[in-house]
């Protein structure tokens, strides 16, 4: 898992400041065990008493996605994107249960094995 120092340096390398809202969004995604929607990130930040508005969350997620620090994931029929920290997840695939909504991460090798059965 990347360290806060590492992502701060990556932001600086791209020419961006490490603002408190930006760090809060990144930290929330780093701690998450599954990809989160912007609304979920916002709710988690509100629970932690972080002063941030939803528009700021969206702006930061979009910018972090453009920089490649965060991946944008879309699930069919959900109508919104989910976001996850990109490092170490480039080869991850996610599945969402249509009944309960749980999201699980599947390593790519297991998906490659499935190809042989199709």
Protein backbone atom coordinates (compact mmCIF):
# COMPACT_ATOMS: atom_id res chain seq x y z
CA UNK A 1 0.00 0.00 0.00
CA UNK A 2 1.37 3.45 -0.85
CA UNK A 3 2.40 5.73 1.95
CA UNK A 4 1.04 9.25 2.46
CA UNK A 5 4.54 10.59 1.77
CA UNK A 6 4.59 8.79 -1.58
CA UNK A 7 1.27 10.17 -2.81
CA UNK A 8 2.16 13.65 -1.59
CA UNK A 9 5.34 13.47 -3.65
CA UNK A 10 3.44 12.16 -6.68
CA UNK A 11 1.05 15.12 -6.49
CA UNK A 12 3.97 17.54 -6.26
CA UNK A 13 5.64 15.81 -9.21
CA UNK A 14 2.48 16.53 -11.25
CA UNK A 15 2.53 20.17 -10.11
CA UNK A 16 -0.36 19.98 -7.62
CA UNK A 17 -0.44 21.07 -4.02
CA UNK A 18 -1.37 18.67 -1.24
CA UNK A 19 -4.44 20.42 0.09
CA UNK A 20 -6.29 19.09 3.12
CA UNK A 21 -9.40 18.14 1.08
CA UNK A 22 -7.27 16.36 -1.54
CA UNK A 23 -5.37 14.46 1.14
CA UNK A 24 -8.65 13.53 2.85
CA UNK A 25 -10.05 12.11 -0.40
CA UNK A 26 -6.86 10.14 -1.06
CA UNK A 27 -6.69 8.86 2.50
CA UNK A 28 -10.31 7.70 2.30
CA UNK A 29 -9.59 5.74 -0.87
CA UNK A 30 -6.40 4.29 0.61
CA UNK A 31 -8.35 2.92 3.58
CA UNK A 32 -11.28 1.61 1.53
CA UNK A 33 -11.58 -2.13 0.96
CA UNK A 34 -13.59 -1.63 -2.25
CA UNK A 35 -14.05 1.04 -4.92
CA UNK A 36 -16.19 3.93 -3.66
CA UNK A 37 -18.57 6.35 -5.35
CA UNK A 38 -18.05 10.08 -4.89
CA UNK A 39 -21.09 10.10 -2.61
CA UNK A 40 -19.63 7.32 -0.47
CA UNK A 41 -16.32 9.19 -0.21
CA UNK A 42 -18.24 12.33 0.78
CA UNK A 43 -20.29 10.46 3.41
CA UNK A 44 -17.18 8.86 4.90
CA UNK A 45 -15.49 12.26 5.11
CA UNK A 46 -18.57 13.74 6.78
CA UNK A 47 -18.54 10.91 9.34
CA UNK A 48 -14.91 11.80 10.09
CA UNK A 49 -15.94 15.46 10.55
CA UNK A 50 -13.93 16.59 7.53
CA UNK A 51 -15.17 19.91 6.18
CA UNK A 52 -15.55 19.34 2.45
CA UNK A 53 -18.39 19.70 -0.03
CA UNK A 54 -19.51 17.16 -2.61
CA UNK A 55 -18.35 19.30 -5.55
CA UNK A 56 -14.81 19.33 -4.11
CA UNK A 57 -14.89 15.55 -3.78
CA UNK A 58 -15.95 15.22 -7.44
CA UNK A 59 -13.29 17.69 -8.63
CA UNK A 60 -10.54 15.93 -6.72
CA UNK A 61 -11.60 12.45 -7.85
CA UNK A 62 -11.68 13.60 -11.47
CA UNK A 63 -8.25 15.25 -11.20
CA UNK A 64 -6.72 12.25 -9.40
CA UNK A 65 -8.18 9.96 -12.06
CA UNK A 66 -6.72 12.11 -14.85
CA UNK A 67 -3.31 11.87 -13.15
CA UNK A 68 -3.58 8.09 -12.89
CA UNK A 69 -3.38 8.05 -9.09
CA UNK A 70 -6.96 6.83 -8.88
CA UNK A 71 -8.79 4.45 -11.21
CA UNK A 72 -12.34 5.09 -12.33
CA UNK A 73 -14.48 1.95 -12.41
CA UNK A 74 -17.94 1.64 -13.89
CA UNK A 75 -20.40 -1.13 -13.09
CA UNK A 76 -23.25 -1.91 -15.46
CA UNK A 77 -26.65 -0.64 -14.30
CA UNK A 78 -25.16 1.50 -11.54
CA UNK A 79 -25.12 4.77 -13.49
CA UNK A 80 -22.10 6.21 -11.67
CA UNK A 81 -18.38 5.68 -11.37
CA UNK A 82 -16.53 4.21 -8.44
CA UNK A 83 -12.97 5.16 -7.57
CA UNK A 84 -10.05 3.23 -6.10
CA UNK A 85 -6.39 3.95 -5.45
CA UNK A 86 -4.57 2.79 -8.58
CA UNK A 87 -1.29 1.44 -7.20
CA UNK A 88 -1.32 -2.30 -6.84
CA UNK A 89 -4.77 -2.54 -8.39
CA UNK A 90 -3.89 -2.25 -12.05
CA UNK A 91 -4.45 -5.98 -12.48
CA UNK A 92 -7.53 -6.21 -10.24
CA UNK A 93 -11.00 -6.80 -11.58
CA UNK A 94 -14.07 -6.05 -9.52
CA UNK A 95 -17.42 -7.77 -9.41
CA UNK A 96 -20.57 -6.41 -7.80
CA UNK A 97 -23.36 -8.66 -6.56
CA UNK A 98 -26.63 -7.49 -8.12
CA UNK A 99 -28.62 -8.76 -5.12
CA UNK A 100 -26.71 -7.50 -2.08
CA UNK A 101 -24.43 -4.86 -3.71
CA UNK A 102 -21.21 -6.25 -2.22
CA UNK A 103 -18.08 -5.60 -4.29
CA UNK A 104 -15.22 -8.05 -4.39
CA UNK A 105 -11.81 -7.87 -6.02
CA UNK A 106 -10.73 -10.77 -8.21
CA UNK A 107 -7.12 -11.27 -9.21
CA UNK A 108 -6.63 -11.39 -12.96
CA UNK A 109 -5.10 -14.90 -12.99
CA UNK A 110 -8.41 -16.36 -11.80
CA UNK A 111 -10.21 -14.55 -14.62
CA UNK A 112 -7.71 -15.92 -17.13
CA UNK A 113 -8.47 -19.42 -15.89
CA UNK A 114 -12.17 -18.79 -16.47
CA UNK A 115 -11.44 -18.07 -20.13
CA UNK A 116 -10.51 -21.71 -20.63
CA UNK A 117 -14.00 -22.79 -19.59
CA UNK A 118 -15.83 -20.48 -21.96
